[in-house]
Amino acid sequence: GRQRYETSAPLCLVHLRAALAAAGNGAGYLLQEQVQRLEELSEDLRGYALKRDALRRGLTTSEEENAWRRALVQLAGERGTYVPNANHRGGPLPASENQDGQGP
C-alpha cells in the first residue's frame, strides 16, 4: 500500500480520481501525498524556468530539466500506466473512465 505508493510515480488526475474512489479511509493520505508531489514538481518547474536564461542554463538540475514532461504526465496521464482499485483489477482504465474517452 503506502510504501509502494511512496516509491512510485505520482498519479495523473484521471488515475487519482479512480484511486480516491477506491481508497476509502486512505483518501486523506493519498491527497496529502499528491499535494506534496505537486509542490515538488512546481518547485522544479520554477527552477527550470529561472535557469533557462543563457547565463544560468548550466545550473539546471536533472529534476528541473524534465519537470515539464512530469507536469504533463501528472495532468494528462501517460499511456500504459496502470492503477489497481476495487472496481478495476490492475489494467488500464476503461475508456469511460478516461477524460478523452479513448482509454489509456
C-alpha atoms as a PDB file:
ATOM      1  CA  GLY A   1       0.000   0.000   0.000  1.00  0.00           C
ATOM      2  CA  ARG A   2       1.595   3.178   1.273  1.00  0.00           C
ATOM      3  CA  GLN A   3       5.216   2.088   0.918  1.00  0.00           C
ATOM      4  CA  ARG A   4       4.629   1.047  -2.685  1.00  0.00           C
ATOM      5  CA  TYR A   5       2.865   4.326  -3.453  1.00  0.00           C
ATOM      6  CA  GLU A   6       5.662   6.381  -1.880  1.00  0.00           C
ATOM      7  CA  THR A   7       8.215   4.837  -4.257  1.00  0.00           C
ATOM      8  CA  SER A   8       6.016   5.013  -7.368  1.00  0.00           C
ATOM      9  CA  ALA A   9       5.455   7.785  -9.894  1.00  0.00           C
ATOM     10  CA  PRO A  10       2.726  10.267  -8.970  1.00  0.00           C
ATOM     11  CA  LEU A  11      -0.777   9.609 -10.240  1.00  0.00           C
ATOM     12  CA  CYS A  12      -2.227  11.612 -13.104  1.00  0.00           C
ATOM     13  CA  LEU A  13      -5.541  13.311 -12.425  1.00  0.00           C
ATOM     14  CA  VAL A  14      -7.573  10.561 -14.104  1.00  0.00           C
ATOM     15  CA  HIS A  15      -5.925   7.816 -12.054  1.00  0.00           C
ATOM     16  CA  LEU A  16      -6.014   9.940  -8.896  1.00  0.00           C
ATOM     17  CA  ARG A  17      -9.802  10.120  -9.219  1.00  0.00           C
ATOM     18  CA  ALA A  18     -10.021   6.338  -9.554  1.00  0.00           C
ATOM     19  CA  ALA A  19      -7.605   5.764  -6.670  1.00  0.00           C
ATOM     20  CA  LEU A  20      -9.523   8.148  -4.393  1.00  0.00           C
ATOM     21  CA  ALA A  21     -12.745   6.315  -5.160  1.00  0.00           C
ATOM     22  CA  ALA A  22     -11.102   3.054  -4.083  1.00  0.00           C
ATOM     23  CA  ALA A  23      -9.037   4.442  -1.190  1.00  0.00           C
ATOM     24  CA  GLY A  24     -11.721   4.573   1.491  1.00  0.00           C
ATOM     25  CA  ASN A  25     -10.017   5.655   4.728  1.00  0.00           C
ATOM     26  CA  GLY A  26      -6.721   6.169   2.872  1.00  0.00           C
ATOM     27  CA  ALA A  27      -8.064   9.046   0.756  1.00  0.00           C
ATOM     28  CA  GLY A  28      -6.651  11.711   3.098  1.00  0.00           C
ATOM     29  CA  TYR A  29      -3.188  10.170   2.945  1.00  0.00           C
ATOM     30  CA  LEU A  30      -3.391   9.870  -0.833  1.00  0.00           C
ATOM     31  CA  LEU A  31      -4.377  13.519  -1.229  1.00  0.00           C
ATOM     32  CA  GLN A  32      -1.638  14.660   1.148  1.00  0.00           C
ATOM     33  CA  GLU A  33       0.989  12.725  -0.839  1.00  0.00           C
ATOM     34  CA  GLN A  34      -0.287  14.099  -4.150  1.00  0.00           C
ATOM     35  CA  VAL A  35      -0.157  17.669  -2.807  1.00  0.00           C
ATOM     36  CA  GLN A  36       3.452  17.137  -1.684  1.00  0.00           C
ATOM     37  CA  ARG A  37       4.411  15.716  -5.078  1.00  0.00           C
ATOM     38  CA  LEU A  38       2.719  18.594  -6.905  1.00  0.00           C
ATOM     39  CA  GLU A  39       4.549  21.109  -4.701  1.00  0.00           C
ATOM     40  CA  GLU A  40       7.873  19.416  -5.516  1.00  0.00           C
ATOM     41  CA  LEU A  41       7.027  19.434  -9.217  1.00  0.00           C
ATOM     42  CA  SER A  42       6.069  23.108  -9.019  1.00  0.00           C
ATOM     43  CA  GLU A  43       9.436  23.903  -7.415  1.00  0.00           C
ATOM     44  CA  ASP A  44      11.251  22.019 -10.196  1.00  0.00           C
ATOM     45  CA  LEU A  45       9.262  23.903 -12.847  1.00  0.00           C
ATOM     46  CA  ARG A  46      10.119  27.263 -11.250  1.00  0.00           C
ATOM     47  CA  GLY A  47      13.807  26.291 -11.130  1.00  0.00           C
ATOM     48  CA  TYR A  48      13.696  25.201 -14.763  1.00  0.00           C
ATOM     49  CA  ALA A  49      12.097  28.474 -15.869  1.00  0.00           C
ATOM     50  CA  LEU A  50      14.613  30.574 -13.931  1.00  0.00           C
ATOM     51  CA  LYS A  51      17.601  28.689 -15.321  1.00  0.00           C
ATOM     52  CA  ARG A  52      16.584  28.672 -18.989  1.00  0.00           C
ATOM     53  CA  ASP A  53      18.302  32.044 -19.289  1.00  0.00           C
ATOM     54  CA  ALA A  54      21.591  31.514 -21.158  1.00  0.00           C
ATOM     55  CA  LEU A  55      23.615  32.709 -18.161  1.00  0.00           C
ATOM     56  CA  ARG A  56      22.027  30.167 -15.800  1.00  0.00           C
ATOM     57  CA  ARG A  57      21.483  27.238 -18.177  1.00  0.00           C
ATOM     58  CA  GLY A  58      24.379  25.232 -16.694  1.00  0.00           C
ATOM     59  CA  LEU A  59      22.743  25.350 -13.243  1.00  0.00           C
ATOM     60  CA  THR A  60      19.669  23.345 -14.301  1.00  0.00           C
ATOM     61  CA  THR A  61      19.273  20.059 -12.393  1.00  0.00           C
ATOM     62  CA  SER A  62      18.032  16.843 -13.999  1.00  0.00           C
ATOM     63  CA  GLU A  63      14.791  17.157 -11.999  1.00  0.00           C
ATOM     64  CA  GLU A  64      14.248  20.649 -13.390  1.00  0.00           C
ATOM     65  CA  GLU A  65      15.207  19.598 -16.917  1.00  0.00           C
ATOM     66  CA  ASN A  66      12.411  17.013 -17.152  1.00  0.00           C
ATOM     67  CA  ALA A  67       9.878  18.867 -14.965  1.00  0.00           C
ATOM     68  CA  TRP A  68       7.838  19.980 -17.981  1.00  0.00           C
ATOM     69  CA  ARG A  69       7.267  16.344 -19.015  1.00  0.00           C
ATOM     70  CA  ARG A  70       6.435  15.217 -15.469  1.00  0.00           C
ATOM     71  CA  ALA A  71       3.912  18.068 -15.233  1.00  0.00           C
ATOM     72  CA  LEU A  72       2.183  16.926 -18.435  1.00  0.00           C
ATOM     73  CA  VAL A  73       2.079  13.310 -17.252  1.00  0.00           C
ATOM     74  CA  GLN A  74       0.727  14.442 -13.873  1.00  0.00           C
ATOM     75  CA  LEU A  75      -2.109  16.341 -15.522  1.00  0.00           C
ATOM     76  CA  ALA A  76      -2.956  14.203 -18.526  1.00  0.00           C
ATOM     77  CA  GLY A  77      -1.574  10.762 -17.736  1.00  0.00           C
ATOM     78  CA  GLU A  78       0.574   8.508 -19.840  1.00  0.00           C
ATOM     79  CA  ARG A  79      -0.309   5.537 -21.992  1.00  0.00           C
ATOM     80  CA  GLY A  80       0.441   2.201 -20.365  1.00  0.00           C
ATOM     81  CA  THR A  81       0.029   3.498 -16.808  1.00  0.00           C
ATOM     82  CA  TYR A  82      -1.936   1.202 -14.519  1.00  0.00           C
ATOM     83  CA  VAL A  83      -3.817   1.767 -11.291  1.00  0.00           C
ATOM     84  CA  PRO A  84      -5.324  -1.070  -9.293  1.00  0.00           C
ATOM     85  CA  ASN A  85      -8.545  -0.381  -7.421  1.00  0.00           C
ATOM     86  CA  ALA A  86     -11.509  -2.234  -6.049  1.00  0.00           C
ATOM     87  CA  ASN A  87     -13.586  -1.931  -9.239  1.00  0.00           C
ATOM     88  CA  HIS A  88     -10.861  -2.369 -11.817  1.00  0.00           C
ATOM     89  CA  ARG A  89      -8.229  -5.029 -11.260  1.00  0.00           C
ATOM     90  CA  GLY A  90      -4.933  -3.529 -12.368  1.00  0.00           C
ATOM     91  CA  GLY A  91      -5.409  -2.860 -16.063  1.00  0.00           C
ATOM     92  CA  PRO A  92      -5.705   0.418 -17.876  1.00  0.00           C
ATOM     93  CA  LEU A  93      -8.762   2.470 -17.075  1.00  0.00           C
ATOM     94  CA  PRO A  94     -11.665   1.755 -19.421  1.00  0.00           C
ATOM     95  CA  ALA A  95     -12.434   4.455 -22.000  1.00  0.00           C
ATOM     96  CA  SER A  96     -15.488   5.503 -19.982  1.00  0.00           C
ATOM     97  CA  GLU A  97     -13.164   6.497 -17.100  1.00  0.00           C
ATOM     98  CA  ASN A  98     -10.616   8.331 -19.245  1.00  0.00           C
ATOM     99  CA  GLN A  99     -11.112  12.037 -19.898  1.00  0.00           C
ATOM    100  CA  ASP A 100     -10.687  11.766 -23.662  1.00  0.00           C
ATOM    101  CA  GLY A 101     -12.917   8.695 -23.899  1.00  0.00           C
ATOM    102  CA  GLN A 102     -10.185   6.769 -25.685  1.00  0.00           C
ATOM    103  CA  GLY A 103      -8.727   4.805 -22.777  1.00  0.00           C
ATOM    104  CA  PRO A 104      -5.058   4.970 -21.797  1.00  0.00           C
END
